[in-house]
């Protein structure tokens, strides 16, 4: 179980998620990393209070659209080279928490092609919106 799922402040939330979103991005601190794109896997969990995400009329505008997650990530990637996965995670977390319906977010990024002897290297961040 994700540690975030045991956080008491989320027991009235719905979890929306994006799994293994594969993107090519300019990321890295080494000179060879600055010359091309790397494959990154991004995972996002959004925690949205049920009262704000339970549709009454089965309409998309009653919930948080998955497109919000993907377009937010795309906007960050369009800003140019990123040195660290930590920066990418923090930026995506901040943007996700800016959505008025989102109470908490978990974001992880993974570089699956760094080492031949492991599946990936990565970073994960979990944050709850302040004042909640």
N, C-alpha and C. Protein backbone atom coordinates (compact mmCIF):
# COMPACT_ATOMS: atom_id res chain seq x y z
N UNK A 1 0.84 -1.18 0.00
CA UNK A 1 0.00 0.00 0.00
C UNK A 1 0.89 1.24 0.00
N UNK A 2 0.48 2.26 -0.74
CA UNK A 2 1.20 3.52 -0.74
C UNK A 2 1.13 4.14 0.64
N UNK A 3 2.24 4.67 1.18
CA UNK A 3 2.20 5.31 2.49
C UNK A 3 1.18 6.44 2.54
N UNK A 4 0.99 7.14 1.44
CA UNK A 4 0.04 8.24 1.40
C UNK A 4 -1.39 7.78 1.65
N UNK A 5 -1.69 6.52 1.33
CA UNK A 5 -3.06 6.04 1.52
C UNK A 5 -3.41 5.86 2.99
N UNK A 6 -2.42 5.80 3.85
CA UNK A 6 -2.70 5.66 5.27
C UNK A 6 -2.79 7.01 5.98
N UNK A 7 -2.59 8.10 5.28
CA UNK A 7 -2.67 9.43 5.85
C UNK A 7 -4.14 9.74 6.17
N UNK A 8 -4.44 10.02 7.43
CA UNK A 8 -5.83 10.18 7.88
C UNK A 8 -6.58 11.29 7.15
N UNK A 9 -5.89 12.31 6.73
CA UNK A 9 -6.54 13.43 6.05
C UNK A 9 -7.04 13.11 4.66
N UNK A 10 -6.82 11.87 4.22
CA UNK A 10 -7.24 11.50 2.87
C UNK A 10 -8.33 10.44 2.88
N UNK A 11 -8.85 10.10 4.06
CA UNK A 11 -9.82 9.01 4.14
C UNK A 11 -11.16 9.35 3.50
N UNK A 12 -11.38 10.59 3.13
CA UNK A 12 -12.62 10.97 2.44
C UNK A 12 -12.34 11.37 0.99
N UNK A 13 -11.25 10.83 0.44
CA UNK A 13 -10.83 11.23 -0.91
C UNK A 13 -10.94 10.10 -1.91
N UNK A 14 -11.06 10.51 -3.14
CA UNK A 14 -10.94 9.64 -4.30
C UNK A 14 -9.51 9.80 -4.80
N UNK A 15 -8.91 8.72 -5.26
CA UNK A 15 -7.55 8.78 -5.81
C UNK A 15 -7.62 8.65 -7.32
N UNK A 16 -7.16 9.67 -8.00
CA UNK A 16 -7.04 9.66 -9.46
C UNK A 16 -5.58 9.37 -9.77
N UNK A 17 -5.29 8.57 -10.76
CA UNK A 17 -3.89 8.29 -11.02
C UNK A 17 -3.56 8.18 -12.49
N UNK A 18 -2.30 8.44 -12.78
CA UNK A 18 -1.70 8.29 -14.09
C UNK A 18 -0.49 7.39 -13.86
N UNK A 19 -0.41 6.28 -14.56
CA UNK A 19 0.64 5.28 -14.34
C UNK A 19 1.58 5.18 -15.53
N UNK A 20 2.85 5.20 -15.22
CA UNK A 20 3.91 4.96 -16.20
C UNK A 20 3.74 5.77 -17.48
N UNK A 21 3.47 7.05 -17.31
CA UNK A 21 3.37 7.97 -18.44
C UNK A 21 4.79 8.16 -18.98
N UNK A 22 5.04 7.65 -20.16
CA UNK A 22 6.38 7.66 -20.74
C UNK A 22 6.57 8.89 -21.60
N UNK A 23 7.59 9.68 -21.26
CA UNK A 23 7.90 10.89 -22.00
C UNK A 23 9.39 10.92 -22.31
N UNK A 24 9.73 11.64 -23.35
CA UNK A 24 11.13 11.93 -23.66
C UNK A 24 11.38 13.37 -23.27
N UNK A 25 12.40 13.57 -22.46
CA UNK A 25 12.62 14.90 -21.89
C UNK A 25 14.11 15.18 -21.78
N UNK A 26 14.47 16.44 -21.88
CA UNK A 26 15.85 16.86 -21.65
C UNK A 26 16.04 17.00 -20.15
N UNK A 27 16.75 16.05 -19.57
CA UNK A 27 16.94 16.05 -18.13
C UNK A 27 18.31 15.46 -17.81
N UNK A 28 18.97 16.05 -16.83
CA UNK A 28 20.25 15.51 -16.38
C UNK A 28 21.29 16.58 -16.16
N UNK A 29 22.27 16.26 -15.32
CA UNK A 29 23.33 17.22 -14.98
C UNK A 29 24.61 16.96 -15.76
N UNK A 30 24.77 15.78 -16.30
CA UNK A 30 25.99 15.44 -17.03
C UNK A 30 25.93 15.99 -18.46
N UNK A 31 27.09 16.33 -19.00
CA UNK A 31 27.13 16.92 -20.35
C UNK A 31 26.46 16.03 -21.40
N UNK A 32 26.67 14.72 -21.33
CA UNK A 32 26.05 13.83 -22.32
C UNK A 32 24.53 13.83 -22.18
N UNK A 33 24.01 14.12 -20.99
CA UNK A 33 22.56 14.17 -20.79
C UNK A 33 21.96 15.45 -21.36
N UNK A 34 22.77 16.47 -21.49
CA UNK A 34 22.29 17.76 -21.98
C UNK A 34 22.20 17.81 -23.50
N UNK A 35 22.67 16.75 -24.16
CA UNK A 35 22.72 16.73 -25.62
C UNK A 35 21.54 16.00 -26.25
N UNK A 36 20.68 15.42 -25.43
CA UNK A 36 19.55 14.69 -26.00
C UNK A 36 18.50 14.40 -24.95
N UNK A 37 17.45 13.78 -25.41
CA UNK A 37 16.35 13.45 -24.51
C UNK A 37 16.57 12.09 -23.86
N UNK A 38 15.98 11.93 -22.69
CA UNK A 38 15.99 10.66 -21.99
C UNK A 38 14.55 10.22 -21.76
N UNK A 39 14.38 8.93 -21.68
CA UNK A 39 13.06 8.38 -21.38
C UNK A 39 12.82 8.48 -19.88
N UNK A 40 11.67 9.04 -19.53
CA UNK A 40 11.26 9.18 -18.13
C UNK A 40 9.87 8.58 -17.98
N UNK A 41 9.65 7.88 -16.89
CA UNK A 41 8.33 7.38 -16.53
C UNK A 41 7.81 8.24 -15.39
N UNK A 42 6.60 8.75 -15.54
CA UNK A 42 6.01 9.62 -14.53
C UNK A 42 4.74 8.97 -14.01
N UNK A 43 4.61 8.97 -12.69
CA UNK A 43 3.41 8.47 -12.02
C UNK A 43 2.85 9.56 -11.14
N UNK A 44 1.54 9.72 -11.19
CA UNK A 44 0.88 10.77 -10.41
C UNK A 44 -0.34 10.18 -9.73
N UNK A 45 -0.51 10.51 -8.45
CA UNK A 45 -1.73 10.21 -7.71
C UNK A 45 -2.28 11.54 -7.22
N UNK A 46 -3.53 11.82 -7.52
CA UNK A 46 -4.21 13.00 -7.00
C UNK A 46 -5.27 12.54 -6.02
N UNK A 47 -5.35 13.21 -4.90
CA UNK A 47 -6.35 12.89 -3.89
C UNK A 47 -7.34 14.04 -3.84
N UNK A 48 -8.60 13.71 -4.16
CA UNK A 48 -9.64 14.72 -4.31
C UNK A 48 -10.80 14.35 -3.40
N UNK A 49 -11.24 15.28 -2.54
CA UNK A 49 -12.35 14.97 -1.65
C UNK A 49 -13.56 14.44 -2.44
N UNK A 50 -14.17 13.41 -1.90
CA UNK A 50 -15.33 12.82 -2.56
C UNK A 50 -16.43 13.84 -2.79
N UNK A 51 -16.58 14.77 -1.88
CA UNK A 51 -17.62 15.79 -2.04
C UNK A 51 -17.39 16.65 -3.28
N UNK A 52 -16.12 16.74 -3.72
CA UNK A 52 -15.78 17.53 -4.91
C UNK A 52 -15.58 16.68 -6.16
N UNK A 53 -15.75 15.36 -6.03
CA UNK A 53 -15.46 14.50 -7.17
C UNK A 53 -16.48 13.38 -7.37
N UNK A 54 -17.63 13.51 -6.77
CA UNK A 54 -18.67 12.51 -6.96
C UNK A 54 -19.73 13.11 -7.89
N UNK A 55 -19.75 12.64 -9.12
CA UNK A 55 -20.67 13.24 -10.10
C UNK A 55 -22.13 12.92 -9.78
N UNK A 56 -22.94 13.93 -9.96
CA UNK A 56 -24.39 13.76 -9.79
C UNK A 56 -25.08 13.54 -11.14
N UNK A 57 -24.48 14.12 -12.19
CA UNK A 57 -25.08 14.06 -13.52
C UNK A 57 -24.21 13.32 -14.55
N UNK A 58 -23.17 12.60 -14.06
CA UNK A 58 -22.31 11.83 -14.94
C UNK A 58 -21.65 12.70 -16.00
N UNK A 59 -21.20 13.90 -15.58
CA UNK A 59 -20.59 14.86 -16.50
C UNK A 59 -19.14 15.11 -16.13
N UNK A 60 -18.30 15.29 -17.13
CA UNK A 60 -16.87 15.46 -16.94
C UNK A 60 -16.53 16.67 -16.07
N UNK A 61 -17.30 17.75 -16.19
CA UNK A 61 -16.98 18.95 -15.42
C UNK A 61 -17.24 18.80 -13.91
N UNK A 62 -17.77 17.66 -13.51
CA UNK A 62 -18.01 17.40 -12.09
C UNK A 62 -16.81 16.75 -11.40
N UNK A 63 -15.81 16.39 -12.17
CA UNK A 63 -14.64 15.69 -11.64
C UNK A 63 -13.37 16.37 -12.16
N UNK A 64 -12.22 15.90 -11.71
CA UNK A 64 -10.95 16.35 -12.26
C UNK A 64 -10.64 15.46 -13.46
N UNK A 65 -10.44 16.08 -14.60
CA UNK A 65 -10.19 15.38 -15.85
C UNK A 65 -8.75 14.86 -15.89
N UNK A 66 -8.55 13.65 -16.36
CA UNK A 66 -7.20 13.09 -16.49
C UNK A 66 -6.32 13.96 -17.39
N UNK A 67 -6.94 14.63 -18.35
CA UNK A 67 -6.18 15.50 -19.25
C UNK A 67 -5.44 16.59 -18.47
N UNK A 68 -5.99 17.00 -17.33
CA UNK A 68 -5.32 18.00 -16.49
C UNK A 68 -3.93 17.51 -16.09
N UNK A 69 -3.82 16.24 -15.73
CA UNK A 69 -2.54 15.69 -15.29
C UNK A 69 -1.54 15.72 -16.45
N UNK A 70 -1.95 15.19 -17.59
CA UNK A 70 -1.05 15.11 -18.74
C UNK A 70 -0.67 16.50 -19.27
N UNK A 71 -1.62 17.40 -19.35
CA UNK A 71 -1.30 18.72 -19.89
C UNK A 71 -0.42 19.52 -18.94
N UNK A 72 -0.58 19.31 -17.64
CA UNK A 72 0.28 19.97 -16.65
C UNK A 72 1.72 19.50 -16.81
N UNK A 73 1.91 18.21 -16.98
CA UNK A 73 3.25 17.66 -17.19
C UNK A 73 3.83 18.19 -18.50
N UNK A 74 3.03 18.22 -19.54
CA UNK A 74 3.50 18.71 -20.85
C UNK A 74 3.96 20.17 -20.77
N UNK A 75 3.21 20.99 -20.04
CA UNK A 75 3.59 22.39 -19.88
C UNK A 75 4.94 22.52 -19.17
N UNK A 76 5.17 21.68 -18.16
CA UNK A 76 6.46 21.74 -17.46
C UNK A 76 7.59 21.30 -18.37
N UNK A 77 7.38 20.27 -19.13
CA UNK A 77 8.43 19.77 -20.03
C UNK A 77 8.76 20.80 -21.10
N UNK A 78 7.78 21.58 -21.52
CA UNK A 78 7.99 22.58 -22.57
C UNK A 78 8.86 23.74 -22.09
N UNK A 79 9.09 23.85 -20.80
CA UNK A 79 9.90 24.94 -20.26
C UNK A 79 11.40 24.74 -20.50
N UNK A 80 11.79 23.58 -20.97
CA UNK A 80 13.19 23.36 -21.30
C UNK A 80 13.90 22.40 -20.36
N UNK A 81 15.22 22.36 -20.50
CA UNK A 81 16.06 21.39 -19.78
C UNK A 81 15.87 21.48 -18.27
N UNK A 82 15.85 20.31 -17.66
CA UNK A 82 15.75 20.17 -16.21
C UNK A 82 16.99 19.40 -15.77
N UNK A 83 17.67 19.88 -14.75
CA UNK A 83 18.86 19.17 -14.27
C UNK A 83 18.49 17.94 -13.45
N UNK A 84 17.53 18.07 -12.54
CA UNK A 84 17.29 17.02 -11.54
C UNK A 84 15.86 16.49 -11.58
N UNK A 85 15.72 15.20 -11.33
CA UNK A 85 14.39 14.61 -11.17
C UNK A 85 13.67 15.24 -9.99
N UNK A 86 14.40 15.61 -8.96
CA UNK A 86 13.78 16.26 -7.80
C UNK A 86 13.08 17.55 -8.21
N UNK A 87 13.71 18.31 -9.09
CA UNK A 87 13.11 19.56 -9.58
C UNK A 87 11.84 19.26 -10.37
N UNK A 88 11.91 18.28 -11.25
CA UNK A 88 10.73 17.90 -12.04
C UNK A 88 9.58 17.49 -11.12
N UNK A 89 9.86 16.62 -10.16
CA UNK A 89 8.81 16.18 -9.22
C UNK A 89 8.22 17.36 -8.46
N UNK A 90 9.08 18.20 -7.91
CA UNK A 90 8.59 19.35 -7.13
C UNK A 90 7.74 20.28 -7.97
N UNK A 91 8.15 20.52 -9.22
CA UNK A 91 7.38 21.41 -10.09
C UNK A 91 6.01 20.82 -10.43
N UNK A 92 5.98 19.52 -10.71
CA UNK A 92 4.70 18.88 -11.04
C UNK A 92 3.79 18.86 -9.81
N UNK A 93 4.35 18.56 -8.65
CA UNK A 93 3.57 18.57 -7.41
C UNK A 93 2.95 19.94 -7.18
N UNK A 94 3.74 20.97 -7.30
CA UNK A 94 3.25 22.35 -7.08
C UNK A 94 2.10 22.68 -8.03
N UNK A 95 2.26 22.32 -9.29
CA UNK A 95 1.22 22.61 -10.28
C UNK A 95 -0.05 21.81 -10.00
N UNK A 96 0.09 20.56 -9.58
CA UNK A 96 -1.09 19.74 -9.28
C UNK A 96 -1.84 20.28 -8.07
N UNK A 97 -1.09 20.71 -7.05
CA UNK A 97 -1.73 21.26 -5.85
C UNK A 97 -2.42 22.60 -6.11
N UNK A 98 -2.07 23.25 -7.20
CA UNK A 98 -2.72 24.52 -7.54
C UNK A 98 -4.17 24.31 -7.99
N UNK A 99 -4.51 23.10 -8.39
CA UNK A 99 -5.90 22.81 -8.79
C UNK A 99 -6.78 22.93 -7.54
N UNK A 100 -7.89 23.65 -7.63
CA UNK A 100 -8.70 23.89 -6.43
C UNK A 100 -9.33 22.63 -5.81
N UNK A 101 -9.50 21.57 -6.58
CA UNK A 101 -10.13 20.37 -6.04
C UNK A 101 -9.12 19.38 -5.43
N UNK A 102 -7.84 19.56 -5.71
CA UNK A 102 -6.83 18.60 -5.27
C UNK A 102 -6.41 18.89 -3.83
N UNK A 103 -6.50 17.89 -2.97
CA UNK A 103 -6.10 18.02 -1.57
C UNK A 103 -4.66 17.57 -1.36
N UNK A 104 -4.25 16.52 -2.06
CA UNK A 104 -2.90 15.99 -1.91
C UNK A 104 -2.46 15.37 -3.22
N UNK A 105 -1.15 15.21 -3.34
CA UNK A 105 -0.60 14.65 -4.57
C UNK A 105 0.66 13.84 -4.26
N UNK A 106 0.84 12.81 -5.05
CA UNK A 106 2.08 12.02 -5.03
C UNK A 106 2.58 11.96 -6.46
N UNK A 107 3.85 12.29 -6.65
CA UNK A 107 4.45 12.24 -7.98
C UNK A 107 5.76 11.47 -7.88
N UNK A 108 5.98 10.59 -8.84
CA UNK A 108 7.27 9.93 -8.94
C UNK A 108 7.76 10.01 -10.38
N UNK A 109 9.07 10.10 -10.51
CA UNK A 109 9.70 10.05 -11.82
C UNK A 109 10.76 8.96 -11.78
N UNK A 110 10.94 8.31 -12.91
CA UNK A 110 11.94 7.25 -13.00
C UNK A 110 12.69 7.36 -14.32
N UNK A 111 13.99 7.14 -14.24
CA UNK A 111 14.82 7.00 -15.43
C UNK A 111 15.09 5.50 -15.59
N UNK A 112 14.45 4.85 -16.54
CA UNK A 112 14.61 3.40 -16.68
C UNK A 112 15.86 2.96 -17.44
N UNK A 113 16.58 3.90 -18.03
CA UNK A 113 17.70 3.51 -18.90
C UNK A 113 19.07 3.91 -18.35
N UNK A 114 19.16 4.25 -17.08
CA UNK A 114 20.42 4.74 -16.53
C UNK A 114 21.42 3.62 -16.29
N UNK A 115 21.00 2.57 -15.60
CA UNK A 115 21.90 1.47 -15.27
C UNK A 115 21.38 0.17 -15.88
N UNK A 116 22.27 -0.64 -16.40
CA UNK A 116 21.82 -1.90 -17.02
C UNK A 116 21.41 -2.97 -16.01
N UNK A 117 21.79 -2.79 -14.75
CA UNK A 117 21.53 -3.83 -13.76
C UNK A 117 20.38 -3.51 -12.80
N UNK A 118 19.55 -2.51 -13.15
CA UNK A 118 18.36 -2.22 -12.33
C UNK A 118 17.26 -1.68 -13.24
N UNK A 119 16.04 -1.80 -12.76
CA UNK A 119 14.89 -1.38 -13.57
C UNK A 119 14.85 0.13 -13.79
N UNK A 120 15.19 0.90 -12.75
CA UNK A 120 15.14 2.36 -12.89
C UNK A 120 15.73 3.02 -11.65
N UNK A 121 15.97 4.32 -11.78
CA UNK A 121 16.32 5.17 -10.65
C UNK A 121 15.31 6.31 -10.64
N UNK A 122 14.94 6.75 -9.44
CA UNK A 122 13.90 7.76 -9.44
C UNK A 122 13.74 8.51 -8.14
N UNK A 123 12.70 9.33 -8.14
CA UNK A 123 12.38 10.21 -7.03
C UNK A 123 10.87 10.19 -6.84
N UNK A 124 10.44 10.32 -5.58
CA UNK A 124 9.01 10.39 -5.28
C UNK A 124 8.77 11.48 -4.24
N UNK A 125 7.69 12.23 -4.43
CA UNK A 125 7.30 13.29 -3.50
C UNK A 125 5.81 13.13 -3.19
N UNK A 126 5.47 13.30 -1.92
CA UNK A 126 4.07 13.31 -1.49
C UNK A 126 3.85 14.58 -0.69
N UNK A 127 2.80 15.34 -1.06
CA UNK A 127 2.48 16.57 -0.33
C UNK A 127 0.98 16.73 -0.19
N UNK A 128 0.60 17.30 0.94
CA UNK A 128 -0.78 17.66 1.21
C UNK A 128 -0.88 19.17 1.15
N UNK A 129 -1.96 19.66 0.56
CA UNK A 129 -2.15 21.11 0.44
C UNK A 129 -2.17 21.74 1.82
N UNK A 130 -1.49 22.86 1.97
CA UNK A 130 -1.44 23.56 3.25
C UNK A 130 -2.84 23.99 3.66
N UNK A 131 -3.08 23.96 4.96
CA UNK A 131 -4.36 24.39 5.49
C UNK A 131 -5.44 23.34 5.44
N UNK A 132 -5.07 22.12 5.08
CA UNK A 132 -6.06 21.04 4.99
C UNK A 132 -5.87 20.09 6.15
